[in-house]
Amino acid sequence: MTGQIPRDGRHRFATLHLSLPGELSKPQPDLVVLERGRGEGSGWLVPASDVTLLLEVVSLRSADRDYGLKRSIYAAGSVPAYLIIDPYDARCVLLTEPDGAGEDADYEVQRTVPFGVPLRIDALGTTLETSRFGTLPAVTRHRRP
């Protein structure tokens, strides 16, 4: 997957934490994509305002957070694009156009494609080929009260 993100003009990191205004937690997405020249000198904690795209790969323990809490946190931080790769549902969910503040923040646009269908990511100026993404047996998500 990371090999499909154009390198020219971008950095890709799997070990950065995100600094979000008004948020005490410092989430560590599975992948952070920054334009070159952004986030320099910030060390392991990059400001959300410097991020182009965040990516989370759903795991057994992260499904609720990736689809719920992180969606709201990343939108509140005005992260332009949030991509969820879900091997349990065999789909990609691309969220764009963040709006709102705090817990009410969300993304205005959601595009979902099953694995095997290319996904255009305008924020990166590329199309993600999803046909080789692996799948895992489906799981039942828990609902938060």
C-alpha atoms as a PDB file:
ATOM      1  CA  MET A   1       0.000   0.000   0.000  1.00  0.00           C
ATOM      2  CA  THR A   2       2.649   2.556   0.994  1.00  0.00           C
ATOM      3  CA  GLY A   3       4.457   1.905  -2.279  1.00  0.00           C
ATOM      4  CA  GLN A   4       1.454   3.340  -4.120  1.00  0.00           C
ATOM      5  CA  ILE A   5       1.760   6.739  -2.455  1.00  0.00           C
ATOM      6  CA  PRO A   6       3.809   8.980  -4.715  1.00  0.00           C
ATOM      7  CA  ARG A   7       7.164   9.834  -3.137  1.00  0.00           C
ATOM      8  CA  ASP A   8       7.774  12.999  -5.123  1.00  0.00           C
ATOM      9  CA  GLY A   9       6.900  15.861  -2.855  1.00  0.00           C
ATOM     10  CA  ARG A  10       5.733  13.678   0.060  1.00  0.00           C
ATOM     11  CA  HIS A  11       6.999  11.945   3.180  1.00  0.00           C
ATOM     12  CA  ARG A  12       5.398   8.785   4.587  1.00  0.00           C
ATOM     13  CA  PHE A  13       5.769   7.874   8.251  1.00  0.00           C
ATOM     14  CA  ALA A  14       4.540   4.973  10.352  1.00  0.00           C
ATOM     15  CA  THR A  15       5.942   6.149  13.684  1.00  0.00           C
ATOM     16  CA  LEU A  16       4.576   9.665  14.148  1.00  0.00           C
ATOM     17  CA  HIS A  17       2.001  10.775  16.675  1.00  0.00           C
ATOM     18  CA  LEU A  18      -0.528  13.473  15.914  1.00  0.00           C
ATOM     19  CA  SER A  19      -0.881  16.730  17.825  1.00  0.00           C
ATOM     20  CA  LEU A  20      -4.441  18.031  17.655  1.00  0.00           C
ATOM     21  CA  PRO A  21      -5.694  21.359  19.049  1.00  0.00           C
ATOM     22  CA  GLY A  22      -7.766  20.824  22.187  1.00  0.00           C
ATOM     23  CA  GLU A  23      -7.110  17.064  22.239  1.00  0.00           C
ATOM     24  CA  LEU A  24      -5.221  15.469  25.115  1.00  0.00           C
ATOM     25  CA  SER A  25      -4.593  12.166  23.362  1.00  0.00           C
ATOM     26  CA  LYS A  26      -1.830  11.904  20.780  1.00  0.00           C
ATOM     27  CA  PRO A  27      -3.013   9.199  18.347  1.00  0.00           C
ATOM     28  CA  GLN A  28      -0.494   7.265  16.274  1.00  0.00           C
ATOM     29  CA  PRO A  29      -2.045   6.471  12.892  1.00  0.00           C
ATOM     30  CA  ASP A  30      -0.752   3.494  10.937  1.00  0.00           C
ATOM     31  CA  LEU A  31       0.515   5.881   8.261  1.00  0.00           C
ATOM     32  CA  VAL A  32       0.981   9.660   8.128  1.00  0.00           C
ATOM     33  CA  VAL A  33       1.530  11.404   4.788  1.00  0.00           C
ATOM     34  CA  LEU A  34       3.013  14.909   4.739  1.00  0.00           C
ATOM     35  CA  GLU A  35       3.997  17.223   1.932  1.00  0.00           C
ATOM     36  CA  ARG A  36       7.753  17.775   1.871  1.00  0.00           C
ATOM     37  CA  GLY A  37       8.695  20.743   4.017  1.00  0.00           C
ATOM     38  CA  ARG A  38       5.775  20.195   6.428  1.00  0.00           C
ATOM     39  CA  GLY A  39       6.254  18.854   9.938  1.00  0.00           C
ATOM     40  CA  GLU A  40       9.996  19.410   9.834  1.00  0.00           C
ATOM     41  CA  GLY A  41      11.494  19.895  13.267  1.00  0.00           C
ATOM     42  CA  SER A  42       8.392  18.589  15.034  1.00  0.00           C
ATOM     43  CA  GLY A  43      10.057  15.306  16.005  1.00  0.00           C
ATOM     44  CA  TRP A  44       7.711  12.430  16.799  1.00  0.00           C
ATOM     45  CA  LEU A  45       4.687  14.719  17.338  1.00  0.00           C
ATOM     46  CA  VAL A  46       3.431  16.284  14.111  1.00  0.00           C
ATOM     47  CA  PRO A  47       0.736  18.999  14.069  1.00  0.00           C
ATOM     48  CA  ALA A  48      -2.509  17.882  12.388  1.00  0.00           C
ATOM     49  CA  SER A  49      -2.366  21.044  10.274  1.00  0.00           C
ATOM     50  CA  ASP A  50       0.747  19.664   8.522  1.00  0.00           C
ATOM     51  CA  VAL A  51      -0.881  16.364   7.506  1.00  0.00           C
ATOM     52  CA  THR A  52      -2.162  15.552   4.010  1.00  0.00           C
ATOM     53  CA  LEU A  53      -3.578  12.089   4.719  1.00  0.00           C
ATOM     54  CA  LEU A  54      -3.902   9.700   7.642  1.00  0.00           C
ATOM     55  CA  LEU A  55      -4.374   5.980   7.162  1.00  0.00           C
ATOM     56  CA  GLU A  56      -5.621   3.372   9.611  1.00  0.00           C
ATOM     57  CA  VAL A  57      -5.729  -0.372   8.953  1.00  0.00           C
ATOM     58  CA  VAL A  58      -8.545  -1.920  10.969  1.00  0.00           C
ATOM     59  CA  SER A  59      -7.561  -4.616  13.449  1.00  0.00           C
ATOM     60  CA  LEU A  60      -9.667  -6.693  15.821  1.00  0.00           C
ATOM     61  CA  ARG A  61      -9.110  -4.168  18.594  1.00  0.00           C
ATOM     62  CA  SER A  62      -9.217  -0.956  16.583  1.00  0.00           C
ATOM     63  CA  ALA A  63     -12.437  -1.153  14.542  1.00  0.00           C
ATOM     64  CA  ASP A  64     -14.569   0.965  16.872  1.00  0.00           C
ATOM     65  CA  ARG A  65     -11.829   3.568  17.329  1.00  0.00           C
ATOM     66  CA  ASP A  66     -10.928   3.736  13.624  1.00  0.00           C
ATOM     67  CA  TYR A  67     -14.526   4.187  12.452  1.00  0.00           C
ATOM     68  CA  GLY A  68     -15.737   6.300  15.385  1.00  0.00           C
ATOM     69  CA  LEU A  69     -13.442   8.123  17.756  1.00  0.00           C
ATOM     70  CA  LYS A  70     -10.528   8.662  15.354  1.00  0.00           C
ATOM     71  CA  ARG A  71     -12.901   9.783  12.608  1.00  0.00           C
ATOM     72  CA  SER A  72     -14.172  12.547  14.879  1.00  0.00           C
ATOM     73  CA  ILE A  73     -10.721  13.452  16.236  1.00  0.00           C
ATOM     74  CA  TYR A  74      -9.143  13.655  12.780  1.00  0.00           C
ATOM     75  CA  ALA A  75     -12.034  15.723  11.415  1.00  0.00           C
ATOM     76  CA  ALA A  76     -11.778  18.098  14.399  1.00  0.00           C
ATOM     77  CA  GLY A  77      -8.080  18.462  13.576  1.00  0.00           C
ATOM     78  CA  SER A  78      -9.021  19.387   9.976  1.00  0.00           C
ATOM     79  CA  VAL A  79      -7.017  16.515   8.501  1.00  0.00           C
ATOM     80  CA  PRO A  80      -7.947  16.757   4.786  1.00  0.00           C
ATOM     81  CA  ALA A  81      -8.127  13.024   4.065  1.00  0.00           C
ATOM     82  CA  TYR A  82      -8.585   9.997   6.321  1.00  0.00           C
ATOM     83  CA  LEU A  83      -8.357   6.541   4.750  1.00  0.00           C
ATOM     84  CA  ILE A  84      -9.572   3.420   6.545  1.00  0.00           C
ATOM     85  CA  ILE A  85      -8.466   0.087   5.109  1.00  0.00           C
ATOM     86  CA  ASP A  86     -10.645  -2.679   6.494  1.00  0.00           C
ATOM     87  CA  PRO A  87      -9.470  -6.237   5.764  1.00  0.00           C
ATOM     88  CA  TYR A  88     -12.440  -7.678   7.694  1.00  0.00           C
ATOM     89  CA  ASP A  89     -15.054  -5.983   5.508  1.00  0.00           C
ATOM     90  CA  ALA A  90     -12.734  -6.064   2.443  1.00  0.00           C
ATOM     91  CA  ARG A  91     -13.221  -2.361   1.771  1.00  0.00           C
ATOM     92  CA  CYS A  92     -11.580   1.041   1.833  1.00  0.00           C
ATOM     93  CA  VAL A  93     -13.308   4.105   3.244  1.00  0.00           C
ATOM     94  CA  LEU A  94     -11.970   7.496   2.222  1.00  0.00           C
ATOM     95  CA  LEU A  95     -13.193  10.458   4.262  1.00  0.00           C
ATOM     96  CA  THR A  96     -12.636  14.027   3.063  1.00  0.00           C
ATOM     97  CA  GLU A  97     -13.842  17.570   3.721  1.00  0.00           C
ATOM     98  CA  PRO A  98     -13.632  17.752   7.524  1.00  0.00           C
ATOM     99  CA  ASP A  99     -16.177  19.980   9.216  1.00  0.00           C
ATOM    100  CA  GLY A 100     -17.092  20.946  12.760  1.00  0.00           C
ATOM    101  CA  ALA A 101     -15.325  21.018  16.086  1.00  0.00           C
ATOM    102  CA  GLY A 102     -14.842  18.747  19.067  1.00  0.00           C
ATOM    103  CA  GLU A 103     -16.904  15.599  19.360  1.00  0.00           C
ATOM    104  CA  ASP A 104     -19.355  16.859  16.727  1.00  0.00           C
ATOM    105  CA  ALA A 105     -16.699  17.077  14.013  1.00  0.00           C
ATOM    106  CA  ASP A 106     -17.055  14.741  11.048  1.00  0.00           C
ATOM    107  CA  TYR A 107     -16.201  14.391   7.397  1.00  0.00           C
ATOM    108  CA  GLU A 108     -18.703  15.675   4.838  1.00  0.00           C
ATOM    109  CA  VAL A 109     -17.681  13.237   2.087  1.00  0.00           C
ATOM    110  CA  GLN A 110     -17.335   9.471   2.424  1.00  0.00           C
ATOM    111  CA  ARG A 111     -16.362   7.231  -0.462  1.00  0.00           C
ATOM    112  CA  THR A 112     -16.365   3.464   0.095  1.00  0.00           C
ATOM    113  CA  VAL A 113     -15.024   0.905  -2.370  1.00  0.00           C
ATOM    114  CA  PRO A 114     -14.650  -2.845  -2.016  1.00  0.00           C
ATOM    115  CA  PHE A 115     -11.199  -4.346  -2.402  1.00  0.00           C
ATOM    116  CA  GLY A 116     -10.571  -4.844  -6.094  1.00  0.00           C
ATOM    117  CA  VAL A 117     -11.994  -1.465  -7.127  1.00  0.00           C
ATOM    118  CA  PRO A 118      -9.478   1.380  -7.612  1.00  0.00           C
ATOM    119  CA  LEU A 119      -9.871   4.324  -5.250  1.00  0.00           C
ATOM    120  CA  ARG A 120      -9.014   7.844  -6.405  1.00  0.00           C
ATOM    121  CA  ILE A 121      -7.316   9.880  -3.662  1.00  0.00           C
ATOM    122  CA  ASP A 122      -7.404  13.486  -4.825  1.00  0.00           C
ATOM    123  CA  ALA A 123      -5.387  14.736  -1.831  1.00  0.00           C
ATOM    124  CA  LEU A 124      -2.451  12.699  -3.153  1.00  0.00           C
ATOM    125  CA  GLY A 125      -3.226  13.030  -6.840  1.00  0.00           C
ATOM    126  CA  THR A 126      -3.194   9.263  -7.254  1.00  0.00           C
ATOM    127  CA  THR A 127      -5.403   6.220  -7.568  1.00  0.00           C
ATOM    128  CA  LEU A 128      -4.974   3.431  -5.049  1.00  0.00           C
ATOM    129  CA  GLU A 129      -5.057  -0.072  -6.541  1.00  0.00           C
ATOM    130  CA  THR A 130      -6.870  -2.241  -3.984  1.00  0.00           C
ATOM    131  CA  SER A 131      -7.011  -5.587  -5.783  1.00  0.00           C
ATOM    132  CA  ARG A 132      -4.043  -7.041  -3.885  1.00  0.00           C
ATOM    133  CA  PHE A 133      -5.210  -6.073  -0.413  1.00  0.00           C
ATOM    134  CA  GLY A 134      -5.617  -9.126   1.816  1.00  0.00           C
ATOM    135  CA  THR A 135      -8.794  -9.979   3.663  1.00  0.00           C
ATOM    136  CA  LEU A 136      -9.511 -11.491   7.069  1.00  0.00           C
ATOM    137  CA  PRO A 137     -12.611 -13.294   8.397  1.00  0.00           C
ATOM    138  CA  ALA A 138     -15.414 -10.844   9.199  1.00  0.00           C
ATOM    139  CA  VAL A 139     -15.901  -9.712  12.793  1.00  0.00           C
ATOM    140  CA  THR A 140     -18.838  -8.181  14.589  1.00  0.00           C
ATOM    141  CA  ARG A 141     -18.204  -4.645  15.783  1.00  0.00           C
ATOM    142  CA  HIS A 142     -19.371  -3.575  19.195  1.00  0.00           C
ATOM    143  CA  ARG A 143     -21.609  -0.561  19.507  1.00  0.00           C
ATOM    144  CA  ARG A 144     -20.793   2.193  21.924  1.00  0.00           C
ATOM    145  CA  PRO A 145     -23.639   3.279  24.214  1.00  0.00           C
END
